[in-house]
Amino acid sequence: MDTTKNISNPYTVTECKTFILPVRDVIDLLGGKWRLPIIIALSFKNHRFKELERQIEGITPRMLSKVLKDLEINGLVNRDVFKTTPITVEYSLTDYGKSLDKVIETVREWGLTHRQKIINK
């Protein structure tokens, strides 16, 4: 175990790795082209599959199904099946998924600031 401290950085290598690990977990969970657009769409309202497919331009039904399933496995999305004819399936954010609202808003604000900084160079 490397516990060497750098004079300019008071943290050990182990402490840095421990700090980075949960950040990597979030990036792995939210990274990719489709995850955030799906989460953002569901943060505004619950959607049926076809509604999500229409709202998120360019996503294929197969990819939408795959990402929704993954988000469901990770506890961010609910899949509610209604016994109608034909069967209706609706997707919504779990409370855990809704807890990302502040994170997404913070990243959005940073992105707007960054965009302006780059454009105004």
PDB file of N, CA and C in Angstrom:
ATOM      1  N   MET A   1       0.844  -1.177   0.000  1.00  0.00           N
ATOM      2  CA  MET A   1       0.000   0.000   0.000  1.00  0.00           C
ATOM      3  C   MET A   1       0.887   1.237   0.000  1.00  0.00           C
ATOM      4  N   ASP A   2       0.648   2.119  -0.956  1.00  0.00           N
ATOM      5  CA  ASP A   2       1.451   3.329  -1.105  1.00  0.00           C
ATOM      6  C   ASP A   2       0.825   4.456  -0.297  1.00  0.00           C
ATOM      7  N   THR A   3       1.562   4.904   0.710  1.00  0.00           N
ATOM      8  CA  THR A   3       1.052   5.997   1.539  1.00  0.00           C
ATOM      9  C   THR A   3       1.949   7.227   1.429  1.00  0.00           C
ATOM     10  N   THR A   4       2.716   7.310   0.352  1.00  0.00           N
ATOM     11  CA  THR A   4       3.614   8.429   0.136  1.00  0.00           C
ATOM     12  C   THR A   4       2.822   9.712  -0.028  1.00  0.00           C
ATOM     13  N   LYS A   5       3.287  10.771   0.628  1.00  0.00           N
ATOM     14  CA  LYS A   5       2.635  12.072   0.504  1.00  0.00           C
ATOM     15  C   LYS A   5       3.530  12.997  -0.299  1.00  0.00           C
ATOM     16  N   ASN A   6       2.935  13.730  -1.190  1.00  0.00           N
ATOM     17  CA  ASN A   6       3.618  14.737  -1.980  1.00  0.00           C
ATOM     18  C   ASN A   6       3.557  16.039  -1.191  1.00  0.00           C
ATOM     19  N   ILE A   7       4.598  16.837  -1.243  1.00  0.00           N
ATOM     20  CA  ILE A   7       4.632  18.083  -0.482  1.00  0.00           C
ATOM     21  C   ILE A   7       3.505  19.018  -0.917  1.00  0.00           C
ATOM     22  N   SER A   8       3.218  19.099  -2.216  1.00  0.00           N
ATOM     23  CA  SER A   8       2.164  19.999  -2.701  1.00  0.00           C
ATOM     24  C   SER A   8       0.770  19.387  -2.546  1.00  0.00           C
ATOM     25  N   ASN A   9       0.683  18.090  -2.346  1.00  0.00           N
ATOM     26  CA  ASN A   9      -0.600  17.411  -2.190  1.00  0.00           C
ATOM     27  C   ASN A   9      -0.565  16.636  -0.869  1.00  0.00           C
ATOM     28  N   PRO A  10      -1.383  17.044   0.088  1.00  0.00           N
ATOM     29  CA  PRO A  10      -1.329  16.402   1.404  1.00  0.00           C
ATOM     30  C   PRO A  10      -1.981  15.010   1.451  1.00  0.00           C
ATOM     31  N   TYR A  11      -2.554  14.542   0.348  1.00  0.00           N
ATOM     32  CA  TYR A  11      -3.254  13.256   0.338  1.00  0.00           C
ATOM     33  C   TYR A  11      -2.343  12.134  -0.135  1.00  0.00           C
ATOM     34  N   THR A  12      -2.551  10.958   0.425  1.00  0.00           N
ATOM     35  CA  THR A  12      -1.789   9.795  -0.002  1.00  0.00           C
ATOM     36  C   THR A  12      -2.399   9.256  -1.296  1.00  0.00           C
ATOM     37  N   VAL A  13      -1.659   8.410  -1.966  1.00  0.00           N
ATOM     38  CA  VAL A  13      -2.149   7.772  -3.188  1.00  0.00           C
ATOM     39  C   VAL A  13      -3.404   6.966  -2.872  1.00  0.00           C
ATOM     40  N   THR A  14      -3.403   6.273  -1.751  1.00  0.00           N
ATOM     41  CA  THR A  14      -4.560   5.479  -1.341  1.00  0.00           C
ATOM     42  C   THR A  14      -5.779   6.368  -1.118  1.00  0.00           C
ATOM     43  N   GLU A  15      -5.599   7.509  -0.477  1.00  0.00           N
ATOM     44  CA  GLU A  15      -6.709   8.436  -0.252  1.00  0.00           C
ATOM     45  C   GLU A  15      -7.251   8.971  -1.574  1.00  0.00           C
ATOM     46  N   CYS A  16      -6.361   9.247  -2.513  1.00  0.00           N
ATOM     47  CA  CYS A  16      -6.795   9.723  -3.827  1.00  0.00           C
ATOM     48  C   CYS A  16      -7.599   8.652  -4.556  1.00  0.00           C
ATOM     49  N   LYS A  17      -7.124   7.409  -4.515  1.00  0.00           N
ATOM     50  CA  LYS A  17      -7.852   6.313  -5.162  1.00  0.00           C
ATOM     51  C   LYS A  17      -9.226   6.134  -4.524  1.00  0.00           C
ATOM     52  N   THR A  18      -9.286   6.250  -3.199  1.00  0.00           N
ATOM     53  CA  THR A  18     -10.551   6.123  -2.483  1.00  0.00           C
ATOM     54  C   THR A  18     -11.501   7.259  -2.866  1.00  0.00           C
ATOM     55  N   PHE A  19     -10.957   8.443  -3.095  1.00  0.00           N
ATOM     56  CA  PHE A  19     -11.763   9.601  -3.500  1.00  0.00           C
ATOM     57  C   PHE A  19     -12.300   9.415  -4.921  1.00  0.00           C
ATOM     58  N   ILE A  20     -11.466   8.894  -5.803  1.00  0.00           N
ATOM     59  CA  ILE A  20     -11.815   8.758  -7.216  1.00  0.00           C
ATOM     60  C   ILE A  20     -12.830   7.644  -7.459  1.00  0.00           C
ATOM     61  N   LEU A  21     -12.787   6.578  -6.692  1.00  0.00           N
ATOM     62  CA  LEU A  21     -13.626   5.405  -6.938  1.00  0.00           C
ATOM     63  C   LEU A  21     -15.116   5.724  -7.059  1.00  0.00           C
ATOM     64  N   PRO A  22     -15.739   6.435  -6.116  1.00  0.00           N
ATOM     65  CA  PRO A  22     -17.167   6.719  -6.271  1.00  0.00           C
ATOM     66  C   PRO A  22     -17.472   7.647  -7.453  1.00  0.00           C
ATOM     67  N   VAL A  23     -16.523   8.526  -7.793  1.00  0.00           N
ATOM     68  CA  VAL A  23     -16.698   9.398  -8.961  1.00  0.00           C
ATOM     69  C   VAL A  23     -16.721   8.547 -10.228  1.00  0.00           C
ATOM     70  N   ARG A  24     -15.836   7.582 -10.313  1.00  0.00           N
ATOM     71  CA  ARG A  24     -15.832   6.653 -11.452  1.00  0.00           C
ATOM     72  C   ARG A  24     -17.127   5.866 -11.532  1.00  0.00           C
ATOM     73  N   ASP A  25     -17.638   5.449 -10.380  1.00  0.00           N
ATOM     74  CA  ASP A  25     -18.902   4.714 -10.349  1.00  0.00           C
ATOM     75  C   ASP A  25     -20.029   5.545 -10.970  1.00  0.00           C
ATOM     76  N   VAL A  26     -20.077   6.829 -10.620  1.00  0.00           N
ATOM     77  CA  VAL A  26     -21.111   7.715 -11.156  1.00  0.00           C
ATOM     78  C   VAL A  26     -20.929   7.890 -12.664  1.00  0.00           C
ATOM     79  N   ILE A  27     -19.696   8.080 -13.091  1.00  0.00           N
ATOM     80  CA  ILE A  27     -19.433   8.247 -14.525  1.00  0.00           C
ATOM     81  C   ILE A  27     -19.820   6.986 -15.286  1.00  0.00           C
ATOM     82  N   ASP A  28     -19.507   5.828 -14.728  1.00  0.00           N
ATOM     83  CA  ASP A  28     -19.899   4.564 -15.370  1.00  0.00           C
ATOM     84  C   ASP A  28     -21.420   4.434 -15.449  1.00  0.00           C
ATOM     85  N   LEU A  29     -22.103   4.842 -14.400  1.00  0.00           N
ATOM     86  CA  LEU A  29     -23.559   4.724 -14.349  1.00  0.00           C
ATOM     87  C   LEU A  29     -24.253   5.724 -15.275  1.00  0.00           C
ATOM     88  N   LEU A  30     -23.749   6.948 -15.335  1.00  0.00           N
ATOM     89  CA  LEU A  30     -24.413   8.003 -16.103  1.00  0.00           C
ATOM     90  C   LEU A  30     -23.778   8.270 -17.457  1.00  0.00           C
ATOM     91  N   GLY A  31     -22.616   7.672 -17.692  1.00  0.00           N
ATOM     92  CA  GLY A  31     -21.917   7.903 -18.946  1.00  0.00           C
ATOM     93  C   GLY A  31     -22.627   7.249 -20.113  1.00  0.00           C
ATOM     94  N   GLY A  32     -22.159   7.549 -21.275  1.00  0.00           N
ATOM     95  CA  GLY A  32     -22.785   7.006 -22.469  1.00  0.00           C
ATOM     96  C   GLY A  32     -23.707   8.037 -23.084  1.00  0.00           C
ATOM     97  N   LYS A  33     -24.088   7.775 -24.290  1.00  0.00           N
ATOM     98  CA  LYS A  33     -24.858   8.731 -25.078  1.00  0.00           C
ATOM     99  C   LYS A  33     -26.304   8.873 -24.627  1.00  0.00           C
ATOM    100  N   TRP A  34     -26.909   7.832 -24.075  1.00  0.00           N
ATOM    101  CA  TRP A  34     -28.352   7.811 -23.882  1.00  0.00           C
ATOM    102  C   TRP A  34     -28.829   7.895 -22.439  1.00  0.00           C
ATOM    103  N   ARG A  35     -27.999   7.601 -21.477  1.00  0.00           N
ATOM    104  CA  ARG A  35     -28.466   7.507 -20.096  1.00  0.00           C
ATOM    105  C   ARG A  35     -28.996   8.835 -19.552  1.00  0.00           C
ATOM    106  N   LEU A  36     -28.232   9.889 -19.686  1.00  0.00           N
ATOM    107  CA  LEU A  36     -28.695  11.176 -19.167  1.00  0.00           C
ATOM    108  C   LEU A  36     -29.927  11.696 -19.902  1.00  0.00           C
ATOM    109  N   PRO A  37     -29.990  11.607 -21.232  1.00  0.00           N
ATOM    110  CA  PRO A  37     -31.235  12.047 -21.884  1.00  0.00           C
ATOM    111  C   PRO A  37     -32.467  11.290 -21.391  1.00  0.00           C
ATOM    112  N   ILE A  38     -32.335  10.001 -21.130  1.00  0.00           N
ATOM    113  CA  ILE A  38     -33.461   9.222 -20.611  1.00  0.00           C
ATOM    114  C   ILE A  38     -33.816   9.678 -19.198  1.00  0.00           C
ATOM    115  N   ILE A  39     -32.818   9.822 -18.354  1.00  0.00           N
ATOM    116  CA  ILE A  39     -33.061  10.260 -16.970  1.00  0.00           C
ATOM    117  C   ILE A  39     -33.689  11.647 -16.960  1.00  0.00           C
ATOM    118  N   ILE A  40     -33.181  12.548 -17.784  1.00  0.00           N
ATOM    119  CA  ILE A  40     -33.725  13.916 -17.837  1.00  0.00           C
ATOM    120  C   ILE A  40     -35.168  13.891 -18.335  1.00  0.00           C
ATOM    121  N   ALA A  41     -35.448  13.113 -19.369  1.00  0.00           N
ATOM    122  CA  ALA A  41     -36.827  13.013 -19.872  1.00  0.00           C
ATOM    123  C   ALA A  41     -37.762  12.505 -18.780  1.00  0.00           C
ATOM    124  N   LEU A  42     -37.318  11.507 -18.038  1.00  0.00           N
ATOM    125  CA  LEU A  42     -38.155  10.946 -16.972  1.00  0.00           C
ATOM    126  C   LEU A  42     -38.253  11.868 -15.758  1.00  0.00           C
ATOM    127  N   SER A  43     -37.326  12.802 -15.635  1.00  0.00           N
ATOM    128  CA  SER A  43     -37.398  13.736 -14.499  1.00  0.00           C
ATOM    129  C   SER A  43     -38.525  14.752 -14.707  1.00  0.00           C
ATOM    130  N   PHE A  44     -38.933  14.958 -15.959  1.00  0.00           N
ATOM    131  CA  PHE A  44     -40.038  15.880 -16.237  1.00  0.00           C
ATOM    132  C   PHE A  44     -41.401  15.206 -16.085  1.00  0.00           C
ATOM    133  N   LYS A  45     -41.479  13.942 -16.537  1.00  0.00           N
ATOM    134  CA  LYS A  45     -42.736  13.201 -16.388  1.00  0.00           C
ATOM    135  C   LYS A  45     -42.509  11.734 -16.711  1.00  0.00           C
ATOM    136  N   ASN A  46     -43.436  10.905 -16.270  1.00  0.00           N
ATOM    137  CA  ASN A  46     -43.380   9.484 -16.594  1.00  0.00           C
ATOM    138  C   ASN A  46     -43.674   9.315 -18.084  1.00  0.00           C
ATOM    139  N   HIS A  47     -43.068   8.282 -18.677  1.00  0.00           N
ATOM    140  CA  HIS A  47     -43.240   8.058 -20.114  1.00  0.00           C
ATOM    141  C   HIS A  47     -43.472   6.592 -20.419  1.00  0.00           C
ATOM    142  N   ARG A  48     -44.229   6.363 -21.453  1.00  0.00           N
ATOM    143  CA  ARG A  48     -44.312   5.037 -22.043  1.00  0.00           C
ATOM    144  C   ARG A  48     -43.119   4.883 -22.966  1.00  0.00           C
ATOM    145  N   PHE A  49     -42.847   3.641 -23.341  1.00  0.00           N
ATOM    146  CA  PHE A  49     -41.675   3.335 -24.162  1.00  0.00           C
ATOM    147  C   PHE A  49     -41.662   4.155 -25.447  1.00  0.00           C
ATOM    148  N   LYS A  50     -42.751   4.138 -26.185  1.00  0.00           N
ATOM    149  CA  LYS A  50     -42.806   4.847 -27.475  1.00  0.00           C
ATOM    150  C   LYS A  50     -42.663   6.356 -27.296  1.00  0.00           C
ATOM    151  N   GLU A  51     -43.165   6.887 -26.190  1.00  0.00           N
ATOM    152  CA  GLU A  51     -43.003   8.324 -25.924  1.00  0.00           C
ATOM    153  C   GLU A  51     -41.533   8.662 -25.748  1.00  0.00           C
ATOM    154  N   LEU A  52     -40.830   7.822 -24.999  1.00  0.00           N
ATOM    155  CA  LEU A  52     -39.387   8.044 -24.820  1.00  0.00           C
ATOM    156  C   LEU A  52     -38.659   7.930 -26.152  1.00  0.00           C
ATOM    157  N   GLU A  53     -39.028   6.935 -26.922  1.00  0.00           N
ATOM    158  CA  GLU A  53     -38.385   6.727 -28.224  1.00  0.00           C
ATOM    159  C   GLU A  53     -38.570   7.956 -29.124  1.00  0.00           C
ATOM    160  N   ARG A  54     -39.755   8.549 -29.104  1.00  0.00           N
ATOM    161  CA  ARG A  54     -40.016   9.744 -29.917  1.00  0.00           C
ATOM    162  C   ARG A  54     -39.283  10.966 -29.358  1.00  0.00           C
ATOM    163  N   GLN A  55     -39.208  11.072 -28.042  1.00  0.00           N
ATOM    164  CA  GLN A  55     -38.603  12.253 -27.426  1.00  0.00           C
ATOM    165  C   GLN A  55     -37.082  12.274 -27.571  1.00  0.00           C
ATOM    166  N   ILE A  56     -36.460  11.105 -27.535  1.00  0.00           N
ATOM    167  CA  ILE A  56     -34.994  11.041 -27.584  1.00  0.00           C
ATOM    168  C   ILE A  56     -34.575  10.699 -29.012  1.00  0.00           C
ATOM    169  N   GLU A  57     -34.268  11.725 -29.768  1.00  0.00           N
ATOM    170  CA  GLU A  57     -33.944  11.558 -31.183  1.00  0.00           C
ATOM    171  C   GLU A  57     -32.736  10.666 -31.397  1.00  0.00           C
ATOM    172  N   GLY A  58     -32.897   9.730 -32.326  1.00  0.00           N
ATOM    173  CA  GLY A  58     -31.772   8.908 -32.737  1.00  0.00           C
ATOM    174  C   GLY A  58     -31.612   7.603 -31.985  1.00  0.00           C
ATOM    175  N   ILE A  59     -32.322   7.420 -30.890  1.00  0.00           N
ATOM    176  CA  ILE A  59     -32.171   6.177 -30.127  1.00  0.00           C
ATOM    177  C   ILE A  59     -32.994   5.074 -30.799  1.00  0.00           C
ATOM    178  N   THR A  60     -32.418   3.907 -30.872  1.00  0.00           N
ATOM    179  CA  THR A  60     -33.136   2.768 -31.450  1.00  0.00           C
ATOM    180  C   THR A  60     -33.952   2.093 -30.347  1.00  0.00           C
ATOM    181  N   PRO A  61     -35.013   1.390 -30.718  1.00  0.00           N
ATOM    182  CA  PRO A  61     -35.800   0.681 -29.701  1.00  0.00           C
ATOM    183  C   PRO A  61     -34.950  -0.311 -28.899  1.00  0.00           C
ATOM    184  N   ARG A  62     -34.044  -0.964 -29.575  1.00  0.00           N
ATOM    185  CA  ARG A  62     -33.180  -1.935 -28.889  1.00  0.00           C
ATOM    186  C   ARG A  62     -32.299  -1.263 -27.840  1.00  0.00           C
ATOM    187  N   MET A  63     -31.697  -0.121 -28.218  1.00  0.00           N
ATOM    188  CA  MET A  63     -30.834   0.603 -27.283  1.00  0.00           C
ATOM    189  C   MET A  63     -31.648   1.183 -26.127  1.00  0.00           C
ATOM    190  N   LEU A  64     -32.816   1.727 -26.426  1.00  0.00           N
ATOM    191  CA  LEU A  64     -33.673   2.269 -25.375  1.00  0.00           C
ATOM    192  C   LEU A  64     -34.038   1.181 -24.376  1.00  0.00           C
ATOM    193  N   SER A  65     -34.409   0.023 -24.880  1.00  0.00           N
ATOM    194  CA  SER A  65     -34.757  -1.105 -24.019  1.00  0.00           C
ATOM    195  C   SER A  65     -33.579  -1.516 -23.144  1.00  0.00           C
ATOM    196  N   LYS A  66     -32.400  -1.583 -23.733  1.00  0.00           N
ATOM    197  CA  LYS A  66     -31.187  -1.987 -23.010  1.00  0.00           C
ATOM    198  C   LYS A  66     -30.857  -0.994 -21.893  1.00  0.00           C
ATOM    199  N   VAL A  67     -30.894   0.298 -22.221  1.00  0.00           N
ATOM    200  CA  VAL A  67     -30.531   1.318 -21.231  1.00  0.00           C
ATOM    201  C   VAL A  67     -31.586   1.386 -20.121  1.00  0.00           C
ATOM    202  N   LEU A  68     -32.865   1.305 -20.481  1.00  0.00           N
ATOM    203  CA  LEU A  68     -33.908   1.313 -19.455  1.00  0.00           C
ATOM    204  C   LEU A  68     -33.745   0.141 -18.501  1.00  0.00           C
ATOM    205  N   LYS A  69     -33.438  -1.017 -19.041  1.00  0.00           N
ATOM    206  CA  LYS A  69     -33.245  -2.209 -18.206  1.00  0.00           C
ATOM    207  C   LYS A  69     -32.067  -2.001 -17.253  1.00  0.00           C
ATOM    208  N   ASP A  70     -30.976  -1.432 -17.764  1.00  0.00           N
ATOM    209  CA  ASP A  70     -29.800  -1.182 -16.935  1.00  0.00           C
ATOM    210  C   ASP A  70     -30.111  -0.157 -15.842  1.00  0.00           C
ATOM    211  N   LEU A  71     -30.835   0.904 -16.196  1.00  0.00           N
ATOM    212  CA  LEU A  71     -31.199   1.917 -15.205  1.00  0.00           C
ATOM    213  C   LEU A  71     -32.137   1.327 -14.148  1.00  0.00           C
ATOM    214  N   GLU A  72     -32.991   0.401 -14.571  1.00  0.00           N
ATOM    215  CA  GLU A  72     -33.883  -0.282 -13.633  1.00  0.00           C
ATOM    216  C   GLU A  72     -33.086  -1.168 -12.674  1.00  0.00           C
ATOM    217  N   ILE A  73     -32.131  -1.921 -13.212  1.00  0.00           N
ATOM    218  CA  ILE A  73     -31.278  -2.788 -12.387  1.00  0.00           C
ATOM    219  C   ILE A  73     -30.516  -1.968 -11.351  1.00  0.00           C
ATOM    220  N   ASN A  74     -30.098  -0.757 -11.742  1.00  0.00           N
ATOM    221  CA  ASN A  74     -29.344   0.101 -10.826  1.00  0.00           C
ATOM    222  C   ASN A  74     -30.229   0.923  -9.902  1.00  0.00           C
ATOM    223  N   GLY A  75     -31.531   0.683  -9.945  1.00  0.00           N
ATOM    224  CA  GLY A  75     -32.436   1.323  -9.000  1.00  0.00           C
ATOM    225  C   GLY A  75     -32.811   2.754  -9.315  1.00  0.00           C
ATOM    226  N   LEU A  76     -32.581   3.196 -10.551  1.00  0.00           N
ATOM    227  CA  LEU A  76     -32.886   4.578 -10.913  1.00  0.00           C
ATOM    228  C   LEU A  76     -34.246   4.730 -11.579  1.00  0.00           C
ATOM    229  N   VAL A  77     -34.728   3.657 -12.212  1.00  0.00           N
ATOM    230  CA  VAL A  77     -35.969   3.717 -12.985  1.00  0.00           C
ATOM    231  C   VAL A  77     -36.924   2.613 -12.540  1.00  0.00           C
ATOM    232  N   ASN A  78     -38.201   2.980 -12.457  1.00  0.00           N
ATOM    233  CA  ASN A  78     -39.276   2.013 -12.222  1.00  0.00           C
ATOM    234  C   ASN A  78     -39.894   1.638 -13.561  1.00  0.00           C
ATOM    235  N   ARG A  79     -40.279   0.391 -13.686  1.00  0.00           N
ATOM    236  CA  ARG A  79     -41.029  -0.084 -14.843  1.00  0.00           C
ATOM    237  C   ARG A  79     -42.361  -0.587 -14.318  1.00  0.00           C
ATOM    238  N   ASP A  80     -43.420   0.163 -14.604  1.00  0.00           N
ATOM    239  CA  ASP A  80     -44.750  -0.190 -14.113  1.00  0.00           C
ATOM    240  C   ASP A  80     -45.583  -0.757 -15.251  1.00  0.00           C
ATOM    241  N   VAL A  81     -46.108  -1.957 -15.046  1.00  0.00           N
ATOM    242  CA  VAL A  81     -46.933  -2.637 -16.041  1.00  0.00           C
ATOM    243  C   VAL A  81     -48.383  -2.533 -15.596  1.00  0.00           C
ATOM    244  N   PHE A  82     -49.236  -2.010 -16.490  1.00  0.00           N
ATOM    245  CA  PHE A  82     -50.662  -1.868 -16.204  1.00  0.00           C
ATOM    246  C   PHE A  82     -51.427  -2.916 -16.991  1.00  0.00           C
ATOM    247  N   LYS A  83     -52.365  -3.542 -16.311  1.00  0.00           N
ATOM    248  CA  LYS A  83     -53.150  -4.611 -16.944  1.00  0.00           C
ATOM    249  C   LYS A  83     -54.278  -4.011 -17.775  1.00  0.00           C
ATOM    250  N   THR A  84     -53.908  -3.446 -18.887  1.00  0.00           N
ATOM    251  CA  THR A  84     -54.871  -2.907 -19.833  1.00  0.00           C
ATOM    252  C   THR A  84     -54.792  -3.752 -21.096  1.00  0.00           C
ATOM    253  N   THR A  85     -55.674  -3.486 -22.030  1.00  0.00           N
ATOM    254  CA  THR A  85     -55.610  -4.186 -23.307  1.00  0.00           C
ATOM    255  C   THR A  85     -55.373  -3.149 -24.388  1.00  0.00           C
ATOM    256  N   PRO A  86     -54.239  -3.143 -25.064  1.00  0.00           N
ATOM    257  CA  PRO A  86     -53.056  -3.955 -24.787  1.00  0.00           C
ATOM    258  C   PRO A  86     -52.370  -3.494 -23.494  1.00  0.00           C
ATOM    259  N   ILE A  87     -51.452  -4.313 -23.013  1.00  0.00           N
ATOM    260  CA  ILE A  87     -50.726  -4.001 -21.778  1.00  0.00           C
ATOM    261  C   ILE A  87     -49.959  -2.690 -21.968  1.00  0.00           C
ATOM    262  N   THR A  88     -50.027  -1.854 -20.944  1.00  0.00           N
ATOM    263  CA  THR A  88     -49.324  -0.572 -20.961  1.00  0.00           C
ATOM    264  C   THR A  88     -48.146  -0.638 -19.991  1.00  0.00           C
ATOM    265  N   VAL A  89     -47.006  -0.173 -20.448  1.00  0.00           N
ATOM    266  CA  VAL A  89     -45.813  -0.109 -19.592  1.00  0.00           C
ATOM    267  C   VAL A  89     -45.396   1.356 -19.500  1.00  0.00           C
ATOM    268  N   GLU A  90     -45.176   1.811 -18.276  1.00  0.00           N
ATOM    269  CA  GLU A  90     -44.770   3.190 -18.057  1.00  0.00           C
ATOM    270  C   GLU A  90     -43.488   3.213 -17.231  1.00  0.00           C
ATOM    271  N   TYR A  91     -42.603   4.106 -17.591  1.00  0.00           N
ATOM    272  CA  TYR A  91     -41.328   4.249 -16.894  1.00  0.00           C
ATOM    273  C   TYR A  91     -41.323   5.545 -16.110  1.00  0.00           C
ATOM    274  N   SER A  92     -40.725   5.488 -14.926  1.00  0.00           N
ATOM    275  CA  SER A  92     -40.604   6.670 -14.068  1.00  0.00           C
ATOM    276  C   SER A  92     -39.310   6.564 -13.284  1.00  0.00           C
ATOM    277  N   LEU A  93     -38.885   7.694 -12.746  1.00  0.00           N
ATOM    278  CA  LEU A  93     -37.706   7.680 -11.880  1.00  0.00           C
ATOM    279  C   LEU A  93     -38.099   7.220 -10.487  1.00  0.00           C
ATOM    280  N   THR A  94     -37.248   6.439  -9.877  1.00  0.00           N
ATOM    281  CA  THR A  94     -37.412   6.086  -8.477  1.00  0.00           C
ATOM    282  C   THR A  94     -37.010   7.302  -7.646  1.00  0.00           C
ATOM    283  N   ASP A  95     -37.250   7.253  -6.353  1.00  0.00           N
ATOM    284  CA  ASP A  95     -36.768   8.336  -5.482  1.00  0.00           C
ATOM    285  C   ASP A  95     -35.247   8.440  -5.582  1.00  0.00           C
ATOM    286  N   TYR A  96     -34.605   7.300  -5.689  1.00  0.00           N
ATOM    287  CA  TYR A  96     -33.142   7.271  -5.839  1.00  0.00           C
ATOM    288  C   TYR A  96     -32.736   7.955  -7.146  1.00  0.00           C
ATOM    289  N   GLY A  97     -33.464   7.692  -8.216  1.00  0.00           N
ATOM    290  CA  GLY A  97     -33.201   8.345  -9.496  1.00  0.00           C
ATOM    291  C   GLY A  97     -33.438   9.844  -9.418  1.00  0.00           C
ATOM    292  N   LYS A  98     -34.497  10.237  -8.688  1.00  0.00           N
ATOM    293  CA  LYS A  98     -34.800  11.665  -8.529  1.00  0.00           C
ATOM    294  C   LYS A  98     -33.710  12.391  -7.744  1.00  0.00           C
ATOM    295  N   SER A  99     -32.965  11.644  -6.940  1.00  0.00           N
ATOM    296  CA  SER A  99     -31.888  12.266  -6.163  1.00  0.00           C
ATOM    297  C   SER A  99     -30.774  12.794  -7.070  1.00  0.00           C
ATOM    298  N   LEU A 100     -30.782  12.405  -8.333  1.00  0.00           N
ATOM    299  CA  LEU A 100     -29.788  12.910  -9.295  1.00  0.00           C
ATOM    300  C   LEU A 100     -30.133  14.306  -9.812  1.00  0.00           C
ATOM    301  N   ASP A 101     -31.346  14.797  -9.547  1.00  0.00           N
ATOM    302  CA  ASP A 101     -31.770  16.098 -10.067  1.00  0.00           C
ATOM    303  C   ASP A 101     -30.772  17.211  -9.755  1.00  0.00           C
ATOM    304  N   LYS A 102     -30.339  17.295  -8.503  1.00  0.00           N
ATOM    305  CA  LYS A 102     -29.413  18.364  -8.104  1.00  0.00           C
ATOM    306  C   LYS A 102     -28.060  18.195  -8.787  1.00  0.00           C
ATOM    307  N   VAL A 103     -27.623  16.962  -8.904  1.00  0.00           N
ATOM    308  CA  VAL A 103     -26.337  16.681  -9.566  1.00  0.00           C
ATOM    309  C   VAL A 103     -26.402  17.110 -11.032  1.00  0.00           C
ATOM    310  N   ILE A 104     -27.481  16.727 -11.706  1.00  0.00           N
ATOM    311  CA  ILE A 104     -27.631  17.059 -13.123  1.00  0.00           C
ATOM    312  C   ILE A 104     -27.735  18.568 -13.303  1.00  0.00           C
ATOM    313  N   GLU A 105     -28.471  19.241 -12.430  1.00  0.00           N
ATOM    314  CA  GLU A 105     -28.601  20.695 -12.526  1.00  0.00           C
ATOM    315  C   GLU A 105     -27.248  21.374 -12.309  1.00  0.00           C
ATOM    316  N   THR A 106     -26.464  20.891 -11.368  1.00  0.00           N
ATOM    317  CA  THR A 106     -25.129  21.452 -11.127  1.00  0.00           C
ATOM    318  C   THR A 106     -24.232  21.268 -12.346  1.00  0.00           C
ATOM    319  N   VAL A 107     -24.259  20.079 -12.933  1.00  0.00           N
ATOM    320  CA  VAL A 107     -23.455  19.812 -14.135  1.00  0.00           C
ATOM    321  C   VAL A 107     -23.941  20.682 -15.286  1.00  0.00           C
ATOM    322  N   ARG A 108     -25.258  20.859 -15.424  1.00  0.00           N
ATOM    323  CA  ARG A 108     -25.829  21.700 -16.476  1.00  0.00           C
ATOM    324  C   ARG A 108     -25.341  23.146 -16.332  1.00  0.00           C
ATOM    325  N   GLU A 109     -25.405  23.673 -15.105  1.00  0.00           N
ATOM    326  CA  GLU A 109     -24.954  25.049 -14.865  1.00  0.00           C
ATOM    327  C   GLU A 109     -23.477  25.204 -15.189  1.00  0.00           C
ATOM    328  N   TRP A 110     -22.666  24.234 -14.779  1.00  0.00           N
ATOM    329  CA  TRP A 110     -21.240  24.283 -15.090  1.00  0.00           C
ATOM    330  C   TRP A 110     -21.044  24.247 -16.608  1.00  0.00           C
ATOM    331  N   GLY A 111     -21.818  23.396 -17.283  1.00  0.00           N
ATOM    332  CA  GLY A 111     -21.723  23.285 -18.734  1.00  0.00           C
ATOM    333  C   GLY A 111     -22.070  24.589 -19.442  1.00  0.00           C
ATOM    334  N   LEU A 112     -23.099  25.288 -18.960  1.00  0.00           N
ATOM    335  CA  LEU A 112     -23.461  26.576 -19.546  1.00  0.00           C
ATOM    336  C   LEU A 112     -22.344  27.594 -19.366  1.00  0.00           C
ATOM    337  N   THR A 113     -21.770  27.623 -18.173  1.00  0.00           N
ATOM    338  CA  THR A 113     -20.650  28.534 -17.900  1.00  0.00           C
ATOM    339  C   THR A 113     -19.459  28.193 -18.778  1.00  0.00           C
ATOM    340  N   HIS A 114     -19.151  26.922 -18.870  1.00  0.00           N
ATOM    341  CA  HIS A 114     -18.017  26.475 -19.686  1.00  0.00           C
ATOM    342  C   HIS A 114     -18.237  26.829 -21.167  1.00  0.00           C
ATOM    343  N   ARG A 115     -19.452  26.590 -21.645  1.00  0.00           N
ATOM    344  CA  ARG A 115     -19.793  26.890 -23.035  1.00  0.00           C
ATOM    345  C   ARG A 115     -19.565  28.376 -23.334  1.00  0.00           C
ATOM    346  N   GLN A 116     -20.032  29.240 -22.430  1.00  0.00           N
ATOM    347  CA  GLN A 116     -19.842  30.673 -22.619  1.00  0.00           C
ATOM    348  C   GLN A 116     -18.368  31.052 -22.593  1.00  0.00           C
ATOM    349  N   LYS A 117     -17.628  30.425 -21.705  1.00  0.00           N
ATOM    350  CA  LYS A 117     -16.191  30.710 -21.607  1.00  0.00           C
ATOM    351  C   LYS A 117     -15.479  30.344 -22.915  1.00  0.00           C
ATOM    352  N   ILE A 118     -15.814  29.200 -23.478  1.00  0.00           N
ATOM    353  CA  ILE A 118     -15.178  28.741 -24.707  1.00  0.00           C
ATOM    354  C   ILE A 118     -15.612  29.594 -25.894  1.00  0.00           C
ATOM    355  N   ILE A 119     -16.898  29.916 -25.980  1.00  0.00           N
ATOM    356  CA  ILE A 119     -17.421  30.721 -27.091  1.00  0.00           C
ATOM    357  C   ILE A 119     -16.824  32.117 -27.083  1.00  0.00           C
ATOM    358  N   ASN A 120     -16.611  32.677 -25.901  1.00  0.00           N
ATOM    359  CA  ASN A 120     -16.114  34.055 -25.788  1.00  0.00           C
ATOM    360  C   ASN A 120     -14.603  34.187 -25.858  1.00  0.00           C
ATOM    361  N   LYS A 121     -13.905  33.119 -26.154  1.00  0.00           N
ATOM    362  CA  LYS A 121     -12.436  33.193 -26.251  1.00  0.00           C
ATOM    363  C   LYS A 121     -12.018  34.083 -27.382  1.00  0.00           C
TER     364      LYS A 121
END
